[in-house]
Amino acid sequence: MKKNAFFKAINAFLAVAGAIFVVGMVYIFLTNAGGLSTFIGVWSLVKTQSLYDINDSKVFEGAAAGIVSSINDPYSEYLDKSTWQDLKIRLDAKFGGIGVYILQDDQGRLKILSPIKGTPAYKEGIKHGDIITKINDESAVGMSQDEAVHKMRGEPGTQLLLSVYRASDGKEHNFRIIREIINVPSVEAKVIDSANQIGYISLNQFGSRSAVEIKESLNDLLEDKKVRGLILDLRNNGGGDFDVSIDIAGIFLDGDKVVSNVDAQGNEKVYRASKGKVDIPLVVLVNEDSASASEILAAALRDNQRAVLVGKKTFGKGLVQTVFPLRNGGALKLTTAKYYTPSGIDINEVGITPDYVVENSDDQDLQLDKAISLLKKQVY
């Protein structure tokens, strides 16, 4: 009896779901009849009249990409199978390439963030702030960040032709760079002022191991080096894994609110830090290329009175992307929510203004100097 009731319930659910689907398709057809007929007409003509064969799978991939591009959101993108694999490899921080991070600015340009020391890009003279103009002689105008990353990857030992515009001299520079396997630790840690026992941690991205690397570096600085104050450098960090930013916040906070996300339906989700507070004076460095997860972490630390911020106003990316894997091996990266700082501020296209706005000079890191001077007043 119970078994029959269960199957009846399943059948009823499937019937309702099927009805909703049919109604939805009818609605889409009635409200978009012109567009659908155009798509079907073009597809039919190409299929029957074109001199060249048509690849149906590529047609539907192109249609999927077109749907996403019609949103006019630079952060949403259809990722084909190879691009999606590249994105996963990048977050795992081990890949064949030249050793740079890329940030797409508000003009859609692909800007290089600080090249990683010791990598091919660093050795060849690529600089922070260079704007990519061509990749292997293909124009980078209109190219997405993920597409550019995919094109720059390749087998170790192969050559990449990279052209960049450098604002400092107003010229385009061409580079021939040999790719290598890039093993990228996301953290650099050291004692920066031994007399005052001030430690320094630079985080260049929010990758899969970043929270672990921060914890390990902190253990060394606190237990072995006996630091009493810390500088966390998020400058030129374009973001990465959202969940990792929450994990890192949990190292410094004690159950406090980190961020809240509001989706398209107005549903709010609040994220709180775990209880693992490292309780020493903290200063966070940010600049115009600190974006996304960097801004989440910086705002959480400041709004909870855990740290002060030094540097320049941040990039201003207050949107959250969700990646939906697809059956064809690709994925859809879609902006699904806007986030708000613990104090309820929307920073999207606005950024975060530091407590101490400091402009660096050409030959001196005045932002770092300011952070050290602030910590000197707090450690005894």
Protein backbone atom coordinates (compact mmCIF):
# COMPACT_ATOMS: atom_id res chain seq x y z
CA MET A 1 0.00 0.00 0.00
CA LYS A 2 2.73 2.43 1.02
CA LYS A 3 4.75 1.47 -2.05
CA ASN A 4 1.82 2.22 -4.38
CA ALA A 5 1.26 5.56 -2.67
CA PHE A 6 4.94 6.43 -3.15
CA PHE A 7 4.82 5.67 -6.88
CA LYS A 8 1.60 7.63 -7.24
CA ALA A 9 3.27 10.61 -5.60
CA ILE A 10 6.27 10.29 -7.94
CA ASN A 11 4.00 10.09 -10.98
CA ALA A 12 2.04 13.12 -9.80
CA PHE A 13 5.26 15.10 -9.30
CA LEU A 14 6.55 14.18 -12.76
CA ALA A 15 3.21 15.07 -14.32
CA VAL A 16 3.25 18.51 -12.67
CA ALA A 17 6.90 19.07 -13.60
CA GLY A 18 6.17 18.06 -17.18
CA ALA A 19 3.21 20.38 -17.35
CA ILE A 20 5.29 23.28 -16.02
CA PHE A 21 7.98 22.57 -18.60
CA VAL A 22 5.46 22.47 -21.47
CA VAL A 23 3.79 25.68 -20.28
CA GLY A 24 7.22 27.32 -20.01
CA MET A 25 8.20 26.31 -23.53
CA VAL A 26 4.86 27.53 -24.90
CA TYR A 27 5.33 30.85 -23.09
CA ILE A 28 8.84 31.25 -24.48
CA PHE A 29 7.63 30.46 -27.99
CA LEU A 30 4.67 32.86 -27.82
CA THR A 31 6.71 35.73 -26.39
CA ASN A 32 9.78 35.14 -28.57
CA ALA A 33 8.27 33.68 -31.72
CA GLY A 34 10.24 36.01 -33.98
CA GLY A 35 13.57 35.21 -32.42
CA LEU A 36 12.96 31.47 -32.36
CA SER A 37 11.77 31.39 -35.93
CA THR A 38 14.84 33.36 -36.98
CA PHE A 39 17.14 30.90 -35.21
CA ILE A 40 15.37 27.89 -36.72
CA GLY A 41 15.30 29.51 -40.15
CA VAL A 42 19.02 30.33 -40.14
CA TRP A 43 19.90 26.88 -38.84
CA SER A 44 17.74 25.20 -41.52
CA LEU A 45 19.18 27.30 -44.35
CA VAL A 46 22.77 26.65 -43.27
CA LYS A 47 21.96 22.95 -42.88
CA THR A 48 20.43 22.61 -46.34
CA GLN A 49 22.05 25.32 -48.48
CA SER A 50 25.55 25.94 -47.15
CA LEU A 51 28.51 24.80 -49.21
CA TYR A 52 30.14 23.73 -45.95
CA ASP A 53 29.06 21.13 -43.44
CA ILE A 54 27.59 22.28 -40.17
CA ASN A 55 28.57 20.90 -36.77
CA ASP A 56 25.37 20.78 -34.73
CA SER A 57 27.17 20.62 -31.38
CA LYS A 58 29.10 23.79 -32.24
CA VAL A 59 25.87 25.47 -33.28
CA PHE A 60 24.29 24.83 -29.91
CA GLU A 61 27.50 25.81 -28.06
CA GLY A 62 27.49 29.06 -30.00
CA ALA A 63 23.85 29.61 -29.11
CA ALA A 64 24.62 28.98 -25.43
CA ALA A 65 27.50 31.48 -25.56
CA GLY A 66 25.20 33.98 -27.28
CA ILE A 67 22.58 33.67 -24.54
CA VAL A 68 25.18 34.54 -21.91
CA SER A 69 26.74 37.39 -23.91
CA SER A 70 23.29 38.97 -24.33
CA ILE A 71 23.22 39.63 -20.56
CA ASN A 72 25.93 42.26 -21.09
CA ASP A 73 27.71 41.11 -17.93
CA PRO A 74 31.52 40.92 -18.27
CA TYR A 75 31.71 38.36 -15.45
CA SER A 76 29.21 35.84 -16.87
CA GLU A 77 30.47 33.47 -19.51
CA TYR A 78 29.84 30.15 -21.21
CA LEU A 79 32.97 28.05 -20.76
CA ASP A 80 33.67 25.30 -23.25
CA LYS A 81 35.24 22.09 -21.98
CA SER A 82 38.88 23.14 -22.36
CA THR A 83 38.34 26.60 -20.84
CA TRP A 84 36.53 25.11 -17.86
CA GLN A 85 39.39 22.66 -17.31
CA ASP A 86 41.85 25.57 -17.45
CA LEU A 87 39.89 27.47 -14.81
CA LYS A 88 39.97 24.49 -12.46
CA ILE A 89 43.70 24.06 -13.02
CA ARG A 90 44.29 27.75 -12.27
CA LEU A 91 42.49 27.50 -8.93
CA ASP A 92 44.55 24.41 -8.11
CA ALA A 93 47.62 26.63 -8.74
CA LYS A 94 49.66 24.24 -10.89
CA PHE A 95 49.76 24.73 -14.64
CA GLY A 96 51.87 25.30 -17.75
CA GLY A 97 52.09 28.96 -18.62
CA ILE A 98 54.12 32.15 -18.20
CA GLY A 99 53.32 33.17 -14.61
CA VAL A 100 50.92 36.12 -14.59
CA TYR A 101 47.48 36.89 -13.21
CA ILE A 102 44.98 38.82 -15.34
CA LEU A 103 42.23 41.20 -14.29
CA GLN A 104 39.60 42.54 -16.70
CA ASP A 105 39.15 46.23 -15.90
CA ASP A 106 36.00 48.34 -16.16
CA GLN A 107 36.84 49.13 -19.79
CA GLY A 108 37.04 45.44 -20.68
CA ARG A 109 40.82 45.54 -21.08
CA LEU A 110 42.96 42.64 -19.91
CA LYS A 111 45.42 44.02 -17.38
CA ILE A 112 48.36 42.04 -16.05
CA LEU A 113 48.75 41.92 -12.30
CA SER A 114 52.18 41.53 -10.73
CA PRO A 115 54.10 38.79 -12.54
CA ILE A 116 55.09 35.96 -10.20
CA LYS A 117 58.76 36.17 -9.25
CA GLY A 118 60.98 33.66 -11.00
CA THR A 119 58.49 32.82 -13.74
CA PRO A 120 59.08 33.29 -17.51
CA ALA A 121 56.95 36.47 -17.62
CA TYR A 122 58.91 38.00 -14.73
CA LYS A 123 62.26 37.15 -16.31
CA GLU A 124 61.28 38.58 -19.71
CA GLY A 125 60.25 41.93 -18.23
CA ILE A 126 56.44 41.83 -18.16
CA LYS A 127 55.26 44.46 -15.67
CA HIS A 128 52.29 45.04 -13.42
CA GLY A 129 49.72 47.18 -15.22
CA ASP A 130 50.67 46.12 -18.75
CA ILE A 131 47.57 45.89 -20.97
CA ILE A 132 47.42 42.81 -23.21
CA THR A 133 46.81 43.81 -26.83
CA LYS A 134 47.60 40.56 -28.67
CA ILE A 135 48.08 36.89 -27.83
CA ASN A 136 49.93 34.96 -30.55
CA ASP A 137 49.17 37.83 -32.96
CA GLU A 138 45.42 37.59 -32.22
CA SER A 139 43.83 40.81 -31.00
CA ALA A 140 42.80 40.72 -27.34
CA VAL A 141 40.12 43.37 -27.86
CA GLY A 142 36.81 41.91 -26.70
CA MET A 143 38.50 38.76 -25.41
CA SER A 144 37.28 37.50 -22.04
CA GLN A 145 39.59 36.91 -19.11
CA ASP A 146 39.07 33.14 -19.19
CA GLU A 147 39.59 32.98 -22.96
CA ALA A 148 42.87 34.88 -22.62
CA VAL A 149 44.07 32.59 -19.83
CA HIS A 150 43.26 29.56 -21.99
CA LYS A 151 45.22 30.95 -24.94
CA MET A 152 48.23 31.77 -22.76
CA ARG A 153 48.42 28.25 -21.40
CA GLY A 154 50.27 25.52 -23.25
CA GLU A 155 52.77 22.73 -23.10
CA PRO A 156 56.01 23.54 -21.27
CA GLY A 157 58.74 24.50 -23.74
CA THR A 158 56.36 26.04 -26.27
CA GLN A 159 56.52 29.71 -27.19
CA LEU A 160 53.93 32.41 -26.52
CA LEU A 161 53.89 35.69 -28.42
CA LEU A 162 52.51 38.38 -26.15
CA SER A 163 51.98 42.05 -27.02
CA VAL A 164 51.24 44.60 -24.30
CA TYR A 165 50.63 48.31 -24.08
CA ARG A 166 52.64 50.03 -21.34
CA ALA A 167 51.18 53.33 -20.17
CA SER A 168 54.45 54.52 -18.60
CA ASP A 169 56.06 54.99 -22.02
CA GLY A 170 52.96 54.94 -24.24
CA LYS A 171 54.35 52.12 -26.38
CA GLU A 172 53.43 48.58 -27.36
CA HIS A 173 55.97 45.92 -26.37
CA ASN A 174 56.28 42.47 -27.91
CA PHE A 175 57.55 39.47 -25.96
CA ARG A 176 58.47 35.92 -26.93
CA ILE A 177 58.05 33.86 -23.77
CA ILE A 178 58.73 30.15 -23.31
CA ARG A 179 56.10 28.45 -21.18
CA GLU A 180 57.02 26.47 -18.07
CA ILE A 181 55.20 24.45 -15.44
CA ILE A 182 54.10 27.09 -12.93
CA ASN A 183 53.84 25.92 -9.34
CA VAL A 184 52.24 28.86 -7.62
CA PRO A 185 52.24 29.19 -3.86
CA SER A 186 49.71 31.91 -3.11
CA VAL A 187 51.46 33.13 0.04
CA GLU A 188 54.77 34.83 0.74
CA ALA A 189 55.60 35.25 4.44
CA LYS A 190 58.50 36.86 6.30
CA VAL A 191 59.48 39.01 9.26
CA ILE A 192 59.59 42.53 7.87
CA ASP A 193 60.70 44.38 11.03
CA SER A 194 62.64 42.17 13.43
CA ALA A 195 63.20 44.94 15.98
CA ASN A 196 59.47 45.40 16.48
CA GLN A 197 58.59 41.78 15.66
CA ILE A 198 56.29 42.64 12.77
CA GLY A 199 55.38 39.88 10.32
CA TYR A 200 54.27 40.19 6.70
CA ILE A 201 52.08 37.90 4.58
CA SER A 202 51.37 38.60 0.92
CA LEU A 203 48.43 36.75 -0.66
CA ASN A 204 48.40 36.85 -4.46
CA GLN A 205 45.18 34.90 -5.09
CA PHE A 206 42.42 32.96 -3.34
CA GLY A 207 43.26 29.48 -4.59
CA SER A 208 42.37 26.03 -3.32
CA ARG A 209 45.28 25.90 -0.83
CA SER A 210 45.43 29.56 0.17
CA ALA A 211 43.76 29.17 3.58
CA VAL A 212 46.08 26.27 4.46
CA GLU A 213 49.12 28.26 3.32
CA ILE A 214 48.04 31.24 5.44
CA LYS A 215 47.64 29.02 8.50
CA GLU A 216 51.03 27.39 8.00
CA SER A 217 52.73 30.76 7.48
CA LEU A 218 51.05 32.20 10.57
CA ASN A 219 52.10 29.24 12.70
CA ASP A 220 55.71 29.82 11.66
CA LEU A 221 55.54 33.58 12.26
CA LEU A 222 53.79 33.31 15.62
CA GLU A 223 55.48 30.27 17.13
CA ASP A 224 58.98 30.33 15.66
CA LYS A 225 59.49 34.00 14.80
CA LYS A 226 57.42 35.34 17.74
CA VAL A 227 55.84 38.20 15.75
CA ARG A 228 53.52 40.54 17.64
CA GLY A 229 51.95 42.39 14.73
CA LEU A 230 51.03 41.42 11.14
CA ILE A 231 50.68 43.07 7.74
CA LEU A 232 48.38 41.23 5.30
CA ASP A 233 49.10 42.38 1.76
CA LEU A 234 46.15 42.02 -0.66
CA ARG A 235 47.46 44.47 -3.24
CA ASN A 236 47.18 43.29 -6.85
CA ASN A 237 45.09 40.32 -5.72
CA GLY A 238 42.23 39.99 -8.20
CA GLY A 239 40.30 37.45 -6.12
CA GLY A 240 39.50 33.80 -6.69
CA ASP A 241 37.51 31.27 -4.69
CA PHE A 242 34.72 32.91 -2.65
CA ASP A 243 34.68 30.12 -0.04
CA VAL A 244 38.41 30.52 0.54
CA SER A 245 37.90 34.18 1.48
CA ILE A 246 35.43 33.02 4.17
CA ASP A 247 37.94 30.44 5.42
CA ILE A 248 40.73 33.01 5.67
CA ALA A 249 38.45 35.48 7.46
CA GLY A 250 37.84 32.73 10.01
CA ILE A 251 41.54 32.71 10.88
CA PHE A 252 41.37 36.32 12.09
CA LEU A 253 37.75 36.66 13.24
CA ASP A 254 35.77 34.87 15.93
CA GLY A 255 32.37 33.89 14.56
CA ASP A 256 31.74 37.38 13.16
CA LYS A 257 29.76 38.20 10.03
CA VAL A 258 31.98 38.15 6.94
CA VAL A 259 29.62 38.98 4.09
CA SER A 260 26.00 38.67 2.97
CA ASN A 261 24.84 37.69 -0.51
CA VAL A 262 21.52 38.70 -2.04
CA ASP A 263 20.37 36.75 -5.12
CA ALA A 264 18.06 37.71 -7.99
CA GLN A 265 14.98 36.73 -5.97
CA GLY A 266 16.03 38.91 -3.03
CA ASN A 267 17.03 35.97 -0.84
CA GLU A 268 19.81 36.84 1.59
CA LYS A 269 22.47 34.44 2.84
CA VAL A 270 24.81 35.50 5.62
CA TYR A 271 28.30 34.00 5.91
CA ARG A 272 30.05 33.97 9.27
CA ALA A 273 33.64 33.27 10.19
CA SER A 274 34.64 30.18 12.10
CA LYS A 275 35.96 30.57 15.65
CA GLY A 276 39.72 30.55 15.20
CA LYS A 277 40.83 34.05 16.04
CA VAL A 278 44.50 35.01 15.68
CA ASP A 279 44.52 37.97 18.02
CA ILE A 280 47.46 40.22 17.16
CA PRO A 281 47.39 43.77 15.71
CA LEU A 282 46.65 43.64 11.98
CA VAL A 283 46.99 46.05 9.05
CA VAL A 284 45.70 45.17 5.57
CA LEU A 285 47.23 46.63 2.40
CA VAL A 286 44.93 47.16 -0.62
CA ASN A 287 45.07 49.01 -3.93
CA GLU A 288 43.09 49.58 -7.12
CA ASP A 289 43.73 45.98 -8.23
CA SER A 290 42.45 44.37 -5.03
CA ALA A 291 39.17 42.88 -6.21
CA SER A 292 36.35 40.47 -5.42
CA ALA A 293 37.45 38.00 -2.71
CA SER A 294 40.16 40.48 -1.63
CA GLU A 295 37.49 43.09 -1.04
CA ILE A 296 35.30 40.63 0.86
CA LEU A 297 38.17 39.83 3.23
CA ALA A 298 39.36 43.42 3.62
CA ALA A 299 35.86 44.74 4.35
CA ALA A 300 35.14 41.94 6.84
CA LEU A 301 38.31 42.64 8.79
CA ARG A 302 37.67 46.39 8.90
CA ASP A 303 33.93 46.31 9.58
CA ASN A 304 34.53 43.98 12.51
CA GLN A 305 37.17 46.39 13.91
CA ARG A 306 39.81 43.72 13.42
CA ALA A 307 42.12 45.66 11.09
CA VAL A 308 42.72 49.01 9.46
CA LEU A 309 43.20 49.35 5.71
CA VAL A 310 46.10 51.18 4.08
CA GLY A 311 46.67 51.93 0.39
CA LYS A 312 44.36 53.01 -2.41
CA LYS A 313 40.67 52.51 -3.16
CA THR A 314 39.93 48.94 -4.28
CA PHE A 315 38.61 47.77 -7.66
CA GLY A 316 34.91 47.55 -6.76
CA LYS A 317 33.66 44.10 -7.75
CA GLY A 318 30.78 43.28 -5.42
CA LEU A 319 29.26 40.49 -7.50
CA VAL A 320 29.32 36.74 -6.95
CA GLN A 321 29.72 34.24 -9.78
CA THR A 322 28.49 30.66 -9.53
CA VAL A 323 29.91 27.99 -11.84
CA PHE A 324 27.39 25.42 -13.09
CA PRO A 325 29.03 22.35 -14.71
CA LEU A 326 27.21 21.23 -17.87
CA ARG A 327 26.68 17.78 -19.36
CA ASN A 328 28.92 18.48 -22.35
CA GLY A 329 31.96 18.94 -20.08
CA GLY A 330 31.77 22.73 -20.20
CA ALA A 331 30.32 25.07 -17.61
CA LEU A 332 28.30 28.24 -17.17
CA LYS A 333 29.89 30.96 -15.06
CA LEU A 334 27.02 33.22 -14.07
CA THR A 335 26.64 36.25 -11.84
CA THR A 336 24.03 35.07 -9.35
CA ALA A 337 24.25 37.45 -6.40
CA LYS A 338 25.46 40.79 -5.12
CA TYR A 339 27.35 40.90 -1.87
CA TYR A 340 27.26 43.40 0.97
CA THR A 341 29.92 44.06 3.58
CA PRO A 342 29.15 43.31 7.26
CA SER A 343 28.05 46.95 7.68
CA GLY A 344 25.62 46.57 4.76
CA ILE A 345 27.59 48.47 2.11
CA ASP A 346 27.32 47.66 -1.61
CA ILE A 347 30.82 48.22 -3.02
CA ASN A 348 30.14 47.16 -6.62
CA GLU A 349 31.63 49.72 -9.04
CA VAL A 350 32.49 51.82 -5.98
CA GLY A 351 35.29 50.01 -4.16
CA ILE A 352 36.54 50.37 -0.61
CA THR A 353 38.36 53.51 0.46
CA PRO A 354 41.12 52.63 2.97
CA ASP A 355 41.35 54.19 6.41
CA TYR A 356 44.71 55.62 5.32
CA VAL A 357 44.94 56.55 1.63
CA VAL A 358 48.58 56.42 0.59
CA GLU A 359 50.06 56.83 -2.90
CA ASN A 360 53.28 54.97 -3.58
CA SER A 361 56.26 56.69 -5.15
CA ASP A 362 58.27 55.22 -8.02
CA ASP A 363 61.14 54.11 -5.79
CA GLN A 364 59.55 53.55 -2.37
CA ASP A 365 56.69 51.48 -0.97
CA LEU A 366 55.10 54.22 1.12
CA GLN A 367 52.00 52.08 1.72
CA LEU A 368 54.09 49.39 3.39
CA ASP A 369 55.98 52.03 5.37
CA LYS A 370 52.68 53.41 6.66
CA ALA A 371 51.49 49.94 7.69
CA ILE A 372 54.72 49.35 9.63
CA SER A 373 54.46 52.72 11.39
CA LEU A 374 50.86 51.98 12.44
CA LEU A 375 51.82 48.58 13.86
CA LYS A 376 54.78 50.01 15.76
CA LYS A 377 52.30 52.01 17.84
CA GLN A 378 50.33 48.85 18.70
CA VAL A 379 53.04 46.33 19.58
CA TYR A 380 54.92 46.58 22.86
